[in-house]
Amino acid sequence: MANAPRAILVERVQTGVRIERRLLKVLKGLADFNDLTLGDLLEGIVLHAFDGKLPFGEESRRVIAELRKLYSLDLDASASHRMFEEGEAGAPRRSPKRRREAKRVSPAARERK
């Protein structure tokens, strides 16, 4: 093992990143397929992107395509700057009737969602 890659000591931190639900399912499925943690997979994707390299080979792209179908992920790169959550600035407005209905939901009920 004289040519084994040198191990790199890093400090990892816990983070509260929010991510689209179906996208997360695909990422978790891909991580599981590759026997990686989700964090390890994300680190690899980001490091490849920072270097301008593609993070996935042909086999991984086939697995991703299957997982996208399984989890109904119809988003692509063109969606990245158009996604929003209900109530965010720039989100389409709800009709006045729906706004009144939303006000009836107690804060405690919203937290349980």
PDB file of N, CA and C in Angstrom:
ATOM      1  N   MET A   1       0.821  -1.188   0.000  1.00  0.00           N
ATOM      2  CA  MET A   1       0.000   0.000   0.000  1.00  0.00           C
ATOM      3  C   MET A   1       0.866   1.253   0.000  1.00  0.00           C
ATOM      4  N   ALA A   2       2.007   1.198  -0.629  1.00  0.00           N
ATOM      5  CA  ALA A   2       2.911   2.342  -0.684  1.00  0.00           C
ATOM      6  C   ALA A   2       2.306   3.494  -1.478  1.00  0.00           C
ATOM      7  N   ASN A   3       1.400   3.195  -2.413  1.00  0.00           N
ATOM      8  CA  ASN A   3       0.794   4.231  -3.247  1.00  0.00           C
ATOM      9  C   ASN A   3      -0.608   4.627  -2.779  1.00  0.00           C
ATOM     10  N   ALA A   4      -0.970   4.252  -1.572  1.00  0.00           N
ATOM     11  CA  ALA A   4      -2.305   4.596  -1.057  1.00  0.00           C
ATOM     12  C   ALA A   4      -2.423   6.109  -0.886  1.00  0.00           C
ATOM     13  N   PRO A   5      -3.601   6.667  -1.213  1.00  0.00           N
ATOM     14  CA  PRO A   5      -3.775   8.111  -1.051  1.00  0.00           C
ATOM     15  C   PRO A   5      -3.612   8.523   0.410  1.00  0.00           C
ATOM     16  N   ARG A   6      -3.034   9.689   0.600  1.00  0.00           N
ATOM     17  CA  ARG A   6      -2.812  10.220   1.942  1.00  0.00           C
ATOM     18  C   ARG A   6      -4.159  10.637   2.543  1.00  0.00           C
ATOM     19  N   ALA A   7      -4.422  10.215   3.756  1.00  0.00           N
ATOM     20  CA  ALA A   7      -5.644  10.601   4.459  1.00  0.00           C
ATOM     21  C   ALA A   7      -5.557  12.076   4.838  1.00  0.00           C
ATOM     22  N   ILE A   8      -6.699  12.765   4.808  1.00  0.00           N
ATOM     23  CA  ILE A   8      -6.744  14.193   5.110  1.00  0.00           C
ATOM     24  C   ILE A   8      -7.644  14.405   6.323  1.00  0.00           C
ATOM     25  N   LEU A   9      -7.093  14.985   7.353  1.00  0.00           N
ATOM     26  CA  LEU A   9      -7.852  15.289   8.562  1.00  0.00           C
ATOM     27  C   LEU A   9      -8.727  16.515   8.312  1.00  0.00           C
ATOM     28  N   VAL A  10     -10.023  16.410   8.564  1.00  0.00           N
ATOM     29  CA  VAL A  10     -10.955  17.529   8.393  1.00  0.00           C
ATOM     30  C   VAL A  10     -11.791  17.690   9.654  1.00  0.00           C
ATOM     31  N   GLU A  11     -12.436  18.830   9.779  1.00  0.00           N
ATOM     32  CA  GLU A  11     -13.388  19.058  10.875  1.00  0.00           C
ATOM     33  C   GLU A  11     -14.767  19.210  10.250  1.00  0.00           C
ATOM     34  N   ARG A  12     -15.657  18.295  10.565  1.00  0.00           N
ATOM     35  CA  ARG A  12     -17.018  18.356  10.027  1.00  0.00           C
ATOM     36  C   ARG A  12     -17.934  19.005  11.058  1.00  0.00           C
ATOM     37  N   VAL A  13     -18.948  19.703  10.563  1.00  0.00           N
ATOM     38  CA  VAL A  13     -19.916  20.363  11.433  1.00  0.00           C
ATOM     39  C   VAL A  13     -21.323  19.923  11.041  1.00  0.00           C
ATOM     40  N   GLN A  14     -22.211  19.919  12.010  1.00  0.00           N
ATOM     41  CA  GLN A  14     -23.617  19.614  11.757  1.00  0.00           C
ATOM     42  C   GLN A  14     -24.277  20.880  11.224  1.00  0.00           C
ATOM     43  N   THR A  15     -25.108  20.732  10.207  1.00  0.00           N
ATOM     44  CA  THR A  15     -25.764  21.896   9.620  1.00  0.00           C
ATOM     45  C   THR A  15     -27.241  21.613   9.419  1.00  0.00           C
ATOM     46  N   GLY A  16     -28.011  22.648   9.356  1.00  0.00           N
ATOM     47  CA  GLY A  16     -29.456  22.518   9.167  1.00  0.00           C
ATOM     48  C   GLY A  16     -29.878  22.952   7.778  1.00  0.00           C
ATOM     49  N   VAL A  17     -29.326  22.349   6.757  1.00  0.00           N
ATOM     50  CA  VAL A  17     -29.624  22.717   5.378  1.00  0.00           C
ATOM     51  C   VAL A  17     -31.026  22.251   5.014  1.00  0.00           C
ATOM     52  N   ARG A  18     -31.781  23.150   4.362  1.00  0.00           N
ATOM     53  CA  ARG A  18     -33.107  22.787   3.851  1.00  0.00           C
ATOM     54  C   ARG A  18     -32.951  22.442   2.371  1.00  0.00           C
ATOM     55  N   ILE A  19     -33.650  21.387   1.933  1.00  0.00           N
ATOM     56  CA  ILE A  19     -33.500  20.923   0.554  1.00  0.00           C
ATOM     57  C   ILE A  19     -34.833  20.349   0.080  1.00  0.00           C
ATOM     58  N   GLU A  20     -35.086  20.442  -1.197  1.00  0.00           N
ATOM     59  CA  GLU A  20     -36.332  19.946  -1.769  1.00  0.00           C
ATOM     60  C   GLU A  20     -36.470  18.450  -1.469  1.00  0.00           C
ATOM     61  N   ARG A  21     -37.666  18.058  -1.045  1.00  0.00           N
ATOM     62  CA  ARG A  21     -37.925  16.708  -0.539  1.00  0.00           C
ATOM     63  C   ARG A  21     -37.546  15.604  -1.526  1.00  0.00           C
ATOM     64  N   ARG A  22     -37.993  15.692  -2.774  1.00  0.00           N
ATOM     65  CA  ARG A  22     -37.709  14.617  -3.744  1.00  0.00           C
ATOM     66  C   ARG A  22     -36.232  14.565  -4.101  1.00  0.00           C
ATOM     67  N   LEU A  23     -35.596  15.734  -4.153  1.00  0.00           N
ATOM     68  CA  LEU A  23     -34.163  15.784  -4.420  1.00  0.00           C
ATOM     69  C   LEU A  23     -33.391  15.080  -3.312  1.00  0.00           C
ATOM     70  N   LEU A  24     -33.803  15.309  -2.082  1.00  0.00           N
ATOM     71  CA  LEU A  24     -33.158  14.641  -0.948  1.00  0.00           C
ATOM     72  C   LEU A  24     -33.323  13.125  -1.032  1.00  0.00           C
ATOM     73  N   LYS A  25     -34.497  12.665  -1.427  1.00  0.00           N
ATOM     74  CA  LYS A  25     -34.724  11.217  -1.556  1.00  0.00           C
ATOM     75  C   LYS A  25     -33.781  10.608  -2.594  1.00  0.00           C
ATOM     76  N   VAL A  26     -33.615  11.302  -3.715  1.00  0.00           N
ATOM     77  CA  VAL A  26     -32.705  10.806  -4.755  1.00  0.00           C
ATOM     78  C   VAL A  26     -31.271  10.782  -4.233  1.00  0.00           C
ATOM     79  N   LEU A  27     -30.865  11.848  -3.553  1.00  0.00           N
ATOM     80  CA  LEU A  27     -29.501  11.894  -3.007  1.00  0.00           C
ATOM     81  C   LEU A  27     -29.272  10.789  -1.984  1.00  0.00           C
ATOM     82  N   LYS A  28     -30.237  10.561  -1.101  1.00  0.00           N
ATOM     83  CA  LYS A  28     -30.098   9.491  -0.105  1.00  0.00           C
ATOM     84  C   LYS A  28     -30.019   8.128  -0.784  1.00  0.00           C
ATOM     85  N   GLY A  29     -30.852   7.934  -1.813  1.00  0.00           N
ATOM     86  CA  GLY A  29     -30.812   6.673  -2.549  1.00  0.00           C
ATOM     87  C   GLY A  29     -29.479   6.457  -3.225  1.00  0.00           C
ATOM     88  N   LEU A  30     -28.926   7.509  -3.809  1.00  0.00           N
ATOM     89  CA  LEU A  30     -27.623   7.408  -4.473  1.00  0.00           C
ATOM     90  C   LEU A  30     -26.510   7.146  -3.458  1.00  0.00           C
ATOM     91  N   ALA A  31     -26.583   7.829  -2.323  1.00  0.00           N
ATOM     92  CA  ALA A  31     -25.584   7.597  -1.272  1.00  0.00           C
ATOM     93  C   ALA A  31     -25.641   6.144  -0.813  1.00  0.00           C
ATOM     94  N   ASP A  32     -26.851   5.638  -0.598  1.00  0.00           N
ATOM     95  CA  ASP A  32     -27.012   4.250  -0.164  1.00  0.00           C
ATOM     96  C   ASP A  32     -26.478   3.286  -1.217  1.00  0.00           C
ATOM     97  N   PHE A  33     -26.776   3.549  -2.486  1.00  0.00           N
ATOM     98  CA  PHE A  33     -26.296   2.700  -3.575  1.00  0.00           C
ATOM     99  C   PHE A  33     -24.772   2.626  -3.581  1.00  0.00           C
ATOM    100  N   ASN A  34     -24.125   3.743  -3.273  1.00  0.00           N
ATOM    101  CA  ASN A  34     -22.663   3.809  -3.274  1.00  0.00           C
ATOM    102  C   ASN A  34     -22.049   3.529  -1.909  1.00  0.00           C
ATOM    103  N   ASP A  35     -22.867   3.116  -0.957  1.00  0.00           N
ATOM    104  CA  ASP A  35     -22.416   2.808   0.406  1.00  0.00           C
ATOM    105  C   ASP A  35     -21.664   3.994   1.024  1.00  0.00           C
ATOM    106  N   LEU A  36     -22.267   5.183   0.871  1.00  0.00           N
ATOM    107  CA  LEU A  36     -21.718   6.416   1.426  1.00  0.00           C
ATOM    108  C   LEU A  36     -22.737   7.050   2.359  1.00  0.00           C
ATOM    109  N   THR A  37     -22.281   7.929   3.212  1.00  0.00           N
ATOM    110  CA  THR A  37     -23.217   8.750   3.959  1.00  0.00           C
ATOM    111  C   THR A  37     -23.670   9.873   3.031  1.00  0.00           C
ATOM    112  N   LEU A  38     -24.791  10.477   3.355  1.00  0.00           N
ATOM    113  CA  LEU A  38     -25.267  11.604   2.566  1.00  0.00           C
ATOM    114  C   LEU A  38     -24.233  12.731   2.583  1.00  0.00           C
ATOM    115  N   GLY A  39     -23.640  12.983   3.731  1.00  0.00           N
ATOM    116  CA  GLY A  39     -22.621  14.024   3.836  1.00  0.00           C
ATOM    117  C   GLY A  39     -21.428  13.752   2.946  1.00  0.00           C
ATOM    118  N   ASP A  40     -20.954  12.501   2.920  1.00  0.00           N
ATOM    119  CA  ASP A  40     -19.819  12.141   2.057  1.00  0.00           C
ATOM    120  C   ASP A  40     -20.165  12.357   0.582  1.00  0.00           C
ATOM    121  N   LEU A  41     -21.385  11.972   0.197  1.00  0.00           N
ATOM    122  CA  LEU A  41     -21.817  12.156  -1.186  1.00  0.00           C
ATOM    123  C   LEU A  41     -21.839  13.645  -1.541  1.00  0.00           C
ATOM    124  N   LEU A  42     -22.432  14.461  -0.683  1.00  0.00           N
ATOM    125  CA  LEU A  42     -22.520  15.905  -0.948  1.00  0.00           C
ATOM    126  C   LEU A  42     -21.138  16.544  -1.014  1.00  0.00           C
ATOM    127  N   GLU A  43     -20.244  16.144  -0.104  1.00  0.00           N
ATOM    128  CA  GLU A  43     -18.877  16.670  -0.148  1.00  0.00           C
ATOM    129  C   GLU A  43     -18.222  16.358  -1.488  1.00  0.00           C
ATOM    130  N   GLY A  44     -18.387  15.129  -1.957  1.00  0.00           N
ATOM    131  CA  GLY A  44     -17.799  14.731  -3.236  1.00  0.00           C
ATOM    132  C   GLY A  44     -18.374  15.517  -4.399  1.00  0.00           C
ATOM    133  N   ILE A  45     -19.695  15.706  -4.410  1.00  0.00           N
ATOM    134  CA  ILE A  45     -20.345  16.466  -5.486  1.00  0.00           C
ATOM    135  C   ILE A  45     -19.818  17.901  -5.509  1.00  0.00           C
ATOM    136  N   VAL A  46     -19.775  18.523  -4.347  1.00  0.00           N
ATOM    137  CA  VAL A  46     -19.336  19.922  -4.270  1.00  0.00           C
ATOM    138  C   VAL A  46     -17.874  20.072  -4.655  1.00  0.00           C
ATOM    139  N   LEU A  47     -17.005  19.192  -4.153  1.00  0.00           N
ATOM    140  CA  LEU A  47     -15.585  19.287  -4.491  1.00  0.00           C
ATOM    141  C   LEU A  47     -15.363  19.108  -5.991  1.00  0.00           C
ATOM    142  N   HIS A  48     -16.096  18.176  -6.621  1.00  0.00           N
ATOM    143  CA  HIS A  48     -15.993  18.017  -8.071  1.00  0.00           C
ATOM    144  C   HIS A  48     -16.470  19.283  -8.781  1.00  0.00           C
ATOM    145  N   ALA A  49     -17.609  19.829  -8.339  1.00  0.00           N
ATOM    146  CA  ALA A  49     -18.151  21.039  -8.971  1.00  0.00           C
ATOM    147  C   ALA A  49     -17.184  22.209  -8.835  1.00  0.00           C
ATOM    148  N   PHE A  50     -16.572  22.354  -7.657  1.00  0.00           N
ATOM    149  CA  PHE A  50     -15.607  23.442  -7.447  1.00  0.00           C
ATOM    150  C   PHE A  50     -14.425  23.338  -8.415  1.00  0.00           C
ATOM    151  N   ASP A  51     -14.070  22.121  -8.791  1.00  0.00           N
ATOM    152  CA  ASP A  51     -12.965  21.909  -9.725  1.00  0.00           C
ATOM    153  C   ASP A  51     -13.424  21.881 -11.183  1.00  0.00           C
ATOM    154  N   GLY A  52     -14.730  22.105 -11.410  1.00  0.00           N
ATOM    155  CA  GLY A  52     -15.263  22.093 -12.769  1.00  0.00           C
ATOM    156  C   GLY A  52     -15.323  20.708 -13.376  1.00  0.00           C
ATOM    157  N   LYS A  53     -15.395  19.685 -12.528  1.00  0.00           N
ATOM    158  CA  LYS A  53     -15.435  18.299 -12.999  1.00  0.00           C
ATOM    159  C   LYS A  53     -16.821  17.704 -12.777  1.00  0.00           C
ATOM    160  N   LEU A  54     -17.180  16.737 -13.602  1.00  0.00           N
ATOM    161  CA  LEU A  54     -18.450  16.043 -13.417  1.00  0.00           C
ATOM    162  C   LEU A  54     -18.316  15.062 -12.252  1.00  0.00           C
ATOM    163  N   PRO A  55     -19.268  15.060 -11.326  1.00  0.00           N
ATOM    164  CA  PRO A  55     -19.147  14.194 -10.162  1.00  0.00           C
ATOM    165  C   PRO A  55     -19.581  12.744 -10.401  1.00  0.00           C
ATOM    166  N   PHE A  56     -20.294  12.485 -11.521  1.00  0.00           N
ATOM    167  CA  PHE A  56     -20.859  11.149 -11.716  1.00  0.00           C
ATOM    168  C   PHE A  56     -20.439  10.545 -13.035  1.00  0.00           C
ATOM    169  N   GLY A  57     -20.182   9.245 -12.979  1.00  0.00           N
ATOM    170  CA  GLY A  57     -19.899   8.485 -14.185  1.00  0.00           C
ATOM    171  C   GLY A  57     -21.188   7.959 -14.786  1.00  0.00           C
ATOM    172  N   GLU A  58     -21.046   7.173 -15.836  1.00  0.00           N
ATOM    173  CA  GLU A  58     -22.194   6.652 -16.574  1.00  0.00           C
ATOM    174  C   GLU A  58     -23.102   5.789 -15.702  1.00  0.00           C
ATOM    175  N   GLU A  59     -22.517   4.896 -14.903  1.00  0.00           N
ATOM    176  CA  GLU A  59     -23.344   4.019 -14.056  1.00  0.00           C
ATOM    177  C   GLU A  59     -24.132   4.823 -13.028  1.00  0.00           C
ATOM    178  N   SER A  60     -23.483   5.792 -12.404  1.00  0.00           N
ATOM    179  CA  SER A  60     -24.187   6.624 -11.413  1.00  0.00           C
ATOM    180  C   SER A  60     -25.311   7.414 -12.060  1.00  0.00           C
ATOM    181  N   ARG A  61     -25.099   7.908 -13.273  1.00  0.00           N
ATOM    182  CA  ARG A  61     -26.156   8.656 -13.960  1.00  0.00           C
ATOM    183  C   ARG A  61     -27.345   7.758 -14.273  1.00  0.00           C
ATOM    184  N   ARG A  62     -27.095   6.484 -14.579  1.00  0.00           N
ATOM    185  CA  ARG A  62     -28.208   5.540 -14.796  1.00  0.00           C
ATOM    186  C   ARG A  62     -28.983   5.332 -13.504  1.00  0.00           C
ATOM    187  N   VAL A  63     -28.266   5.179 -12.395  1.00  0.00           N
ATOM    188  CA  VAL A  63     -28.922   5.003 -11.094  1.00  0.00           C
ATOM    189  C   VAL A  63     -29.731   6.256 -10.743  1.00  0.00           C
ATOM    190  N   ILE A  64     -29.149   7.423 -10.988  1.00  0.00           N
ATOM    191  CA  ILE A  64     -29.851   8.682 -10.715  1.00  0.00           C
ATOM    192  C   ILE A  64     -31.131   8.761 -11.538  1.00  0.00           C
ATOM    193  N   ALA A  65     -31.077   8.379 -12.794  1.00  0.00           N
ATOM    194  CA  ALA A  65     -32.268   8.410 -13.654  1.00  0.00           C
ATOM    195  C   ALA A  65     -33.365   7.512 -13.083  1.00  0.00           C
ATOM    196  N   GLU A  66     -32.989   6.330 -12.616  1.00  0.00           N
ATOM    197  CA  GLU A  66     -33.974   5.421 -12.013  1.00  0.00           C
ATOM    198  C   GLU A  66     -34.550   5.998 -10.726  1.00  0.00           C
ATOM    199  N   LEU A  67     -33.699   6.581  -9.884  1.00  0.00           N
ATOM    200  CA  LEU A  67     -34.163   7.173  -8.633  1.00  0.00           C
ATOM    201  C   LEU A  67     -35.062   8.384  -8.901  1.00  0.00           C
ATOM    202  N   ARG A  68     -34.745   9.178  -9.906  1.00  0.00           N
ATOM    203  CA  ARG A  68     -35.583  10.331 -10.256  1.00  0.00           C
ATOM    204  C   ARG A  68     -36.980   9.868 -10.642  1.00  0.00           C
ATOM    205  N   LYS A  69     -37.063   8.778 -11.409  1.00  0.00           N
ATOM    206  CA  LYS A  69     -38.381   8.233 -11.783  1.00  0.00           C
ATOM    207  C   LYS A  69     -39.105   7.720 -10.542  1.00  0.00           C
ATOM    208  N   LEU A  70     -38.396   6.978  -9.707  1.00  0.00           N
ATOM    209  CA  LEU A  70     -38.985   6.395  -8.501  1.00  0.00           C
ATOM    210  C   LEU A  70     -39.582   7.462  -7.592  1.00  0.00           C
ATOM    211  N   TYR A  71     -38.885   8.586  -7.442  1.00  0.00           N
ATOM    212  CA  TYR A  71     -39.327   9.639  -6.522  1.00  0.00           C
ATOM    213  C   TYR A  71     -39.975  10.821  -7.237  1.00  0.00           C
ATOM    214  N   SER A  72     -40.335  10.638  -8.511  1.00  0.00           N
ATOM    215  CA  SER A  72     -41.037  11.671  -9.292  1.00  0.00           C
ATOM    216  C   SER A  72     -40.310  13.013  -9.273  1.00  0.00           C
ATOM    217  N   LEU A  73     -38.999  12.973  -9.374  1.00  0.00           N
ATOM    218  CA  LEU A  73     -38.209  14.202  -9.397  1.00  0.00           C
ATOM    219  C   LEU A  73     -38.138  14.698 -10.838  1.00  0.00           C
ATOM    220  N   ASP A  74     -38.935  15.715 -11.145  1.00  0.00           N
ATOM    221  CA  ASP A  74     -38.989  16.250 -12.497  1.00  0.00           C
ATOM    222  C   ASP A  74     -38.221  17.561 -12.635  1.00  0.00           C
ATOM    223  N   LEU A  75     -37.467  17.935 -11.615  1.00  0.00           N
ATOM    224  CA  LEU A  75     -36.671  19.158 -11.657  1.00  0.00           C
ATOM    225  C   LEU A  75     -35.345  18.900 -12.355  1.00  0.00           C
ATOM    226  N   ASP A  76     -34.843  19.925 -13.040  1.00  0.00           N
ATOM    227  CA  ASP A  76     -33.506  19.846 -13.627  1.00  0.00           C
ATOM    228  C   ASP A  76     -32.763  21.124 -13.273  1.00  0.00           C
ATOM    229  N   ALA A  77     -31.575  21.303 -13.840  1.00  0.00           N
ATOM    230  CA  ALA A  77     -30.749  22.455 -13.478  1.00  0.00           C
ATOM    231  C   ALA A  77     -31.453  23.781 -13.749  1.00  0.00           C
ATOM    232  N   SER A  78     -32.327  23.827 -14.738  1.00  0.00           N
ATOM    233  CA  SER A  78     -33.013  25.081 -15.052  1.00  0.00           C
ATOM    234  C   SER A  78     -33.970  25.504 -13.927  1.00  0.00           C
ATOM    235  N   ALA A  79     -34.309  24.605 -13.031  1.00  0.00           N
ATOM    236  CA  ALA A  79     -35.216  24.927 -11.923  1.00  0.00           C
ATOM    237  C   ALA A  79     -34.488  25.546 -10.738  1.00  0.00           C
ATOM    238  N   SER A  80     -33.168  25.510 -10.739  1.00  0.00           N
ATOM    239  CA  SER A  80     -32.414  25.858  -9.535  1.00  0.00           C
ATOM    240  C   SER A  80     -32.647  27.270  -9.034  1.00  0.00           C
ATOM    241  N   HIS A  81     -32.955  28.220  -9.893  1.00  0.00           N
ATOM    242  CA  HIS A  81     -33.171  29.597  -9.444  1.00  0.00           C
ATOM    243  C   HIS A  81     -34.641  29.995  -9.490  1.00  0.00           C
ATOM    244  N   ARG A  82     -35.525  29.008  -9.670  1.00  0.00           N
ATOM    245  CA  ARG A  82     -36.958  29.290  -9.740  1.00  0.00           C
ATOM    246  C   ARG A  82     -37.756  28.615  -8.632  1.00  0.00           C
ATOM    247  N   MET A  83     -37.102  27.887  -7.753  1.00  0.00           N
ATOM    248  CA  MET A  83     -37.821  27.163  -6.697  1.00  0.00           C
ATOM    249  C   MET A  83     -38.124  28.098  -5.533  1.00  0.00           C
ATOM    250  N   PHE A  84     -39.263  27.897  -4.909  1.00  0.00           N
ATOM    251  CA  PHE A  84     -39.652  28.681  -3.747  1.00  0.00           C
ATOM    252  C   PHE A  84     -40.555  27.830  -2.880  1.00  0.00           C
ATOM    253  N   GLU A  85     -40.714  28.255  -1.647  1.00  0.00           N
ATOM    254  CA  GLU A  85     -41.653  27.614  -0.738  1.00  0.00           C
ATOM    255  C   GLU A  85     -42.834  28.535  -0.535  1.00  0.00           C
ATOM    256  N   GLU A  86     -43.952  27.965  -0.200  1.00  0.00           N
ATOM    257  CA  GLU A  86     -45.146  28.764   0.036  1.00  0.00           C
ATOM    258  C   GLU A  86     -44.858  29.826   1.091  1.00  0.00           C
ATOM    259  N   GLY A  87     -45.251  31.050   0.805  1.00  0.00           N
ATOM    260  CA  GLY A  87     -45.057  32.141   1.743  1.00  0.00           C
ATOM    261  C   GLY A  87     -43.769  32.911   1.550  1.00  0.00           C
ATOM    262  N   GLU A  88     -42.857  32.428   0.713  1.00  0.00           N
ATOM    263  CA  GLU A  88     -41.596  33.135   0.461  1.00  0.00           C
ATOM    264  C   GLU A  88     -41.835  34.320  -0.458  1.00  0.00           C
ATOM    265  N   ALA A  89     -40.955  35.304  -0.384  1.00  0.00           N
ATOM    266  CA  ALA A  89     -41.003  36.424  -1.309  1.00  0.00           C
ATOM    267  C   ALA A  89     -40.861  35.888  -2.725  1.00  0.00           C
ATOM    268  N   GLY A  90     -41.671  36.388  -3.620  1.00  0.00           N
ATOM    269  CA  GLY A  90     -41.618  35.928  -5.005  1.00  0.00           C
ATOM    270  C   GLY A  90     -42.513  34.733  -5.272  1.00  0.00           C
ATOM    271  N   ALA A  91     -43.104  34.163  -4.221  1.00  0.00           N
ATOM    272  CA  ALA A  91     -43.997  33.022  -4.397  1.00  0.00           C
ATOM    273  C   ALA A  91     -45.317  33.513  -4.991  1.00  0.00           C
ATOM    274  N   PRO A  92     -45.942  32.712  -5.835  1.00  0.00           N
ATOM    275  CA  PRO A  92     -47.255  33.089  -6.356  1.00  0.00           C
ATOM    276  C   PRO A  92     -48.233  33.301  -5.202  1.00  0.00           C
ATOM    277  N   ARG A  93     -49.050  34.308  -5.323  1.00  0.00           N
ATOM    278  CA  ARG A  93     -50.020  34.607  -4.264  1.00  0.00           C
ATOM    279  C   ARG A  93     -51.175  33.624  -4.307  1.00  0.00           C
ATOM    280  N   ARG A  94     -51.681  33.303  -3.111  1.00  0.00           N
ATOM    281  CA  ARG A  94     -52.875  32.464  -3.018  1.00  0.00           C
ATOM    282  C   ARG A  94     -54.106  33.342  -3.143  1.00  0.00           C
ATOM    283  N   SER A  95     -55.209  32.732  -3.475  1.00  0.00           N
ATOM    284  CA  SER A  95     -56.456  33.491  -3.560  1.00  0.00           C
ATOM    285  C   SER A  95     -56.838  33.963  -2.162  1.00  0.00           C
ATOM    286  N   PRO A  96     -57.643  35.048  -2.051  1.00  0.00           N
ATOM    287  CA  PRO A  96     -58.060  35.535  -0.722  1.00  0.00           C
ATOM    288  C   PRO A  96     -58.736  34.456   0.108  1.00  0.00           C
ATOM    289  N   LYS A  97     -59.527  33.596  -0.514  1.00  0.00           N
ATOM    290  CA  LYS A  97     -60.205  32.532   0.229  1.00  0.00           C
ATOM    291  C   LYS A  97     -59.190  31.602   0.881  1.00  0.00           C
ATOM    292  N   ARG A  98     -58.168  31.195   0.145  1.00  0.00           N
ATOM    293  CA  ARG A  98     -57.143  30.301   0.706  1.00  0.00           C
ATOM    294  C   ARG A  98     -56.381  30.983   1.831  1.00  0.00           C
ATOM    295  N   ARG A  99     -56.146  32.305   1.718  1.00  0.00           N
ATOM    296  CA  ARG A  99     -55.449  33.019   2.789  1.00  0.00           C
ATOM    297  C   ARG A  99     -56.268  32.979   4.064  1.00  0.00           C
ATOM    298  N   ARG A 100     -57.590  33.182   3.941  1.00  0.00           N
ATOM    299  CA  ARG A 100     -58.452  33.125   5.132  1.00  0.00           C
ATOM    300  C   ARG A 100     -58.417  31.738   5.752  1.00  0.00           C
ATOM    301  N   GLU A 101     -58.459  30.700   4.915  1.00  0.00           N
ATOM    302  CA  GLU A 101     -58.412  29.334   5.433  1.00  0.00           C
ATOM    303  C   GLU A 101     -57.094  29.063   6.136  1.00  0.00           C
ATOM    304  N   ALA A 102     -56.009  29.571   5.613  1.00  0.00           N
ATOM    305  CA  ALA A 102     -54.697  29.349   6.218  1.00  0.00           C
ATOM    306  C   ALA A 102     -54.608  30.004   7.588  1.00  0.00           C
ATOM    307  N   LYS A 103     -55.293  31.120   7.783  1.00  0.00           N
ATOM    308  CA  LYS A 103     -55.243  31.810   9.070  1.00  0.00           C
ATOM    309  C   LYS A 103     -55.912  30.997  10.164  1.00  0.00           C
ATOM    310  N   ARG A 104     -56.801  30.104   9.811  1.00  0.00           N
ATOM    311  CA  ARG A 104     -57.503  29.299  10.808  1.00  0.00           C
ATOM    312  C   ARG A 104     -56.621  28.220  11.434  1.00  0.00           C
ATOM    313  N   VAL A 105     -55.511  27.909  10.807  1.00  0.00           N
ATOM    314  CA  VAL A 105     -54.603  26.884  11.322  1.00  0.00           C
ATOM    315  C   VAL A 105     -53.795  27.479  12.477  1.00  0.00           C
ATOM    316  N   SER A 106     -53.840  26.833  13.618  1.00  0.00           N
ATOM    317  CA  SER A 106     -53.138  27.344  14.781  1.00  0.00           C
ATOM    318  C   SER A 106     -51.623  27.182  14.598  1.00  0.00           C
ATOM    319  N   PRO A 107     -50.833  28.030  15.268  1.00  0.00           N
ATOM    320  CA  PRO A 107     -49.371  27.888  15.175  1.00  0.00           C
ATOM    321  C   PRO A 107     -48.900  26.502  15.598  1.00  0.00           C
ATOM    322  N   ALA A 108     -49.537  25.931  16.615  1.00  0.00           N
ATOM    323  CA  ALA A 108     -49.142  24.589  17.073  1.00  0.00           C
ATOM    324  C   ALA A 108     -49.374  23.562  15.973  1.00  0.00           C
ATOM    325  N   ALA A 109     -50.479  23.702  15.249  1.00  0.00           N
ATOM    326  CA  ALA A 109     -50.778  22.761  14.158  1.00  0.00           C
ATOM    327  C   ALA A 109     -49.761  22.895  13.043  1.00  0.00           C
ATOM    328  N   ARG A 110     -49.332  24.147  12.761  1.00  0.00           N
ATOM    329  CA  ARG A 110     -48.319  24.355  11.716  1.00  0.00           C
ATOM    330  C   ARG A 110     -47.007  23.705  12.099  1.00  0.00           C
ATOM    331  N   GLU A 111     -46.634  23.748  13.365  1.00  0.00           N
ATOM    332  CA  GLU A 111     -45.371  23.161  13.814  1.00  0.00           C
ATOM    333  C   GLU A 111     -45.381  21.642  13.675  1.00  0.00           C
ATOM    334  N   ARG A 112     -46.544  21.031  13.797  1.00  0.00           N
ATOM    335  CA  ARG A 112     -46.640  19.563  13.699  1.00  0.00           C
ATOM    336  C   ARG A 112     -46.470  19.078  12.276  1.00  0.00           C
ATOM    337  N   LYS A 113     -46.640  19.957  11.280  1.00  0.00           N
ATOM    338  CA  LYS A 113     -46.546  19.539   9.865  1.00  0.00           C
ATOM    339  C   LYS A 113     -45.173  19.106   9.501  1.00  0.00           C
TER     340      LYS A 113
END
